[in-house]
Protein backbone atom coordinates (compact mmCIF):
# COMPACT_ATOMS: atom_id res chain seq x y z
CA MET A 1 5.77 16.01 -6.78
CA LEU A 2 3.56 17.43 -4.06
CA ILE A 3 2.51 14.97 -1.35
CA ARG A 4 -0.25 16.08 1.01
CA LEU A 5 -3.13 14.70 3.03
CA ALA A 6 -6.14 13.70 0.95
CA GLN A 7 -9.16 15.94 1.04
CA PRO A 8 -12.58 14.33 1.65
CA ALA A 9 -13.81 15.35 -1.82
CA GLU A 10 -10.96 13.33 -3.39
CA LEU A 11 -11.81 9.96 -1.84
CA THR A 12 -14.05 8.84 -4.73
CA TYR A 13 -11.26 9.67 -7.17
CA LEU A 14 -8.86 7.58 -5.07
CA GLN A 15 -11.16 4.60 -5.58
CA GLU A 16 -10.78 5.14 -9.34
CA ILE A 17 -6.99 5.13 -8.94
CA GLU A 18 -7.19 1.87 -7.00
CA VAL A 19 -9.37 0.21 -9.66
CA ALA A 20 -7.02 1.34 -12.44
CA SER A 21 -3.94 0.21 -10.52
CA GLY A 22 -5.46 -3.26 -10.14
CA GLU A 23 -5.73 -3.85 -13.88
CA PRO A 24 -2.12 -5.03 -14.37
CA PHE A 25 -2.92 -8.03 -12.15
CA ARG A 26 -5.14 -9.30 -14.96
CA ASP A 27 -2.06 -9.75 -17.16
CA LEU A 28 -0.50 -11.93 -14.43
CA GLY A 29 -3.46 -14.29 -14.42
CA MET A 30 -4.93 -12.74 -11.26
CA PRO A 31 -8.28 -11.40 -12.49
CA GLU A 32 -9.80 -11.76 -9.03
CA ILE A 33 -7.40 -9.07 -7.80
CA ALA A 34 -8.11 -6.83 -10.79
CA ASP A 35 -11.84 -7.25 -10.14
CA ASP A 36 -11.63 -6.71 -6.37
CA ALA A 37 -13.60 -3.75 -5.08
CA PRO A 38 -11.57 -0.72 -3.99
CA MET A 39 -11.39 0.40 -0.37
CA SER A 40 -14.76 1.75 0.68
CA LEU A 41 -15.19 5.46 1.26
CA ASP A 42 -15.65 4.70 4.96
CA ASP A 43 -12.37 2.73 5.06
CA LEU A 44 -10.53 5.51 3.26
CA ALA A 45 -11.97 8.09 5.67
CA GLU A 46 -10.85 6.00 8.67
CA HIS A 47 -7.20 5.97 7.58
CA GLU A 48 -4.52 8.60 7.22
CA VAL A 49 -4.42 9.01 3.45
CA TRP A 50 -1.66 10.85 1.62
CA VAL A 51 -1.90 11.74 -2.06
CA ALA A 52 0.67 12.54 -4.72
CA ILE A 53 -0.53 15.41 -6.87
CA GLY A 54 0.24 15.31 -10.59
CA ALA A 55 0.91 18.15 -13.00
CA GLU A 56 -2.84 18.51 -13.59
CA GLY A 57 -3.37 19.35 -9.91
CA VAL A 58 -5.22 16.12 -9.13
CA PRO A 59 -4.12 13.01 -7.24
CA VAL A 60 -2.29 10.40 -9.31
CA ALA A 61 -1.45 8.08 -6.41
CA PHE A 62 -2.23 7.53 -2.74
CA ILE A 63 -1.14 5.67 0.35
CA ALA A 64 -3.51 4.79 3.19
CA VAL A 65 -1.88 4.07 6.54
CA GLY A 66 -2.90 3.37 10.10
CA ASP A 67 -1.48 2.17 13.39
CA VAL A 68 -1.06 -1.57 13.92
CA ASP A 69 0.65 -2.56 17.16
CA GLY A 70 2.76 0.59 17.27
CA ALA A 71 3.85 0.38 13.64
CA THR A 72 2.70 2.48 10.71
CA HIS A 73 0.83 -0.07 8.60
CA VAL A 74 0.37 0.50 4.87
CA HIS A 75 -3.18 -0.67 4.14
CA GLN A 76 -3.03 0.35 0.50
CA VAL A 77 -0.68 2.11 -1.88
CA CYS A 78 -1.82 2.74 -5.45
CA VAL A 79 -0.36 4.60 -8.39
CA HIS A 80 -2.46 5.25 -11.46
CA PRO A 81 -0.94 3.22 -14.34
CA SER A 82 -0.49 6.40 -16.39
CA HIS A 83 1.98 7.57 -13.72
CA ALA A 84 3.62 4.23 -12.90
CA ARG A 85 7.38 3.67 -12.91
CA GLN A 86 8.15 7.29 -12.05
CA GLY A 87 9.10 6.80 -8.39
CA ILE A 88 5.77 8.07 -7.07
CA GLY A 89 5.02 4.94 -5.01
CA ALA A 90 8.51 5.04 -3.51
CA ALA A 91 8.05 8.74 -2.67
CA LEU A 92 4.78 7.98 -0.87
CA ILE A 93 6.38 5.14 1.07
CA GLU A 94 9.36 7.32 1.96
CA HIS A 95 6.92 9.99 3.16
CA VAL A 96 5.27 7.65 5.68
CA THR A 97 8.55 6.03 6.79
CA ARG A 98 9.94 9.20 8.31
CA GLY A 99 10.29 8.99 12.04
CA ASP A 100 11.07 6.30 14.54
CA ARG A 101 8.32 3.78 13.89
CA PRO A 102 8.58 0.60 11.87
CA VAL A 103 6.39 0.40 8.76
CA THR A 104 4.55 -2.82 7.93
CA LEU A 105 2.51 -4.05 5.00
CA THR A 106 1.22 -7.25 3.43
CA THR A 107 1.73 -7.94 -0.24
CA PHE A 108 1.98 -10.57 -2.96
CA LEU A 109 5.05 -12.72 -3.42
CA GLY A 110 6.29 -13.01 -6.98
CA VAL A 111 4.48 -9.92 -8.31
CA PRO A 112 7.24 -7.59 -9.55
CA TRP A 113 5.63 -4.42 -8.20
CA ASN A 114 4.84 -6.06 -4.85
CA ALA A 115 7.25 -8.02 -2.60
CA PRO A 116 10.32 -7.70 -4.88
CA TYR A 117 9.69 -3.95 -5.17
CA TYR A 118 9.35 -3.51 -1.40
CA GLU A 119 12.54 -5.52 -0.86
CA ARG A 120 14.37 -3.03 -3.08
CA LEU A 121 13.03 -0.27 -0.82
CA GLY A 122 14.48 -2.02 2.25
CA PHE A 123 11.49 -4.00 3.54
CA GLN A 124 12.12 -7.48 4.94
CA ALA A 125 9.77 -10.43 5.36
CA VAL A 126 8.24 -10.77 8.83
CA THR A 127 8.66 -14.23 10.32
CA ASP A 128 6.80 -13.58 13.59
CA PRO A 129 3.97 -11.09 12.99
CA SER A 130 2.58 -9.01 15.83
CA PRO A 131 -1.00 -9.83 16.93
CA GLY A 132 -2.46 -7.00 14.85
CA LEU A 133 -0.48 -7.93 11.76
CA ALA A 134 -1.46 -11.58 12.21
CA GLY A 135 -5.09 -10.42 12.37
CA ILE A 136 -4.69 -8.59 9.06
CA ILE A 137 -3.29 -11.76 7.50
CA ARG A 138 -6.26 -13.77 8.83
CA GLU A 139 -8.69 -11.19 7.47
CA GLU A 140 -7.04 -11.32 4.04
CA THR A 141 -7.27 -15.12 4.07
CA SER A 142 -10.97 -14.92 4.98
CA ARG A 143 -11.47 -12.71 1.87
CA GLY A 144 -9.96 -15.43 -0.31
CA LEU A 145 -6.34 -14.31 -0.59
CA ASP A 146 -4.05 -17.34 -0.61
CA PRO A 147 -1.67 -17.00 2.35
CA ALA A 148 0.95 -19.00 0.44
CA ARG A 149 1.09 -16.15 -2.11
CA ARG A 150 1.25 -13.38 0.51
CA VAL A 151 3.96 -12.02 2.77
CA ALA A 152 4.00 -9.58 5.66
CA MET A 153 6.92 -7.16 5.49
CA VAL A 154 8.53 -4.57 7.74
CA LEU A 155 10.78 -1.59 7.19
CA LEU A 156 12.62 -0.67 10.35
CA PRO A 157 13.21 2.99 11.27
CA ALA A 158 16.20 4.60 9.58
CA GLN A 159 18.28 4.78 12.75
CA VAL A 160 17.82 1.01 13.26
CA ARG A 161 18.69 0.21 9.60
CA ALA A 162 21.90 2.24 9.62
């Protein structure tokens, strides 16, 4: 699977991937997540966005990252449902975890493809978030996400994990 930086012309398609990847939340009784608007084109353009290219030559998944307090923060990772459960999300996460920086994200507790999945990849819950990460949590709460159902997580650099 080819992973490369997203091209500006692909950003609209990435929104479609995000919408499609939200649909499984409906089956968990979380229609508000399934119905949530995708990242705006401006937000996508402001982040470093990597895409996984499928056999058809078009993106099938993406990860949008940025810097938060010296860590690489995953703002969004989405895999189109037609390409789910093939290791594509893990490959994207592995791609952005190279190097000597921690990687952080916020996600849902109890959703199989969220916190439990990231734990299997080596992420751990954050008990004392940095100021920037705490700000992300506050922003999510202001958008209606229940902080009791969310967790901030970190993956330490490989040399620290070993």
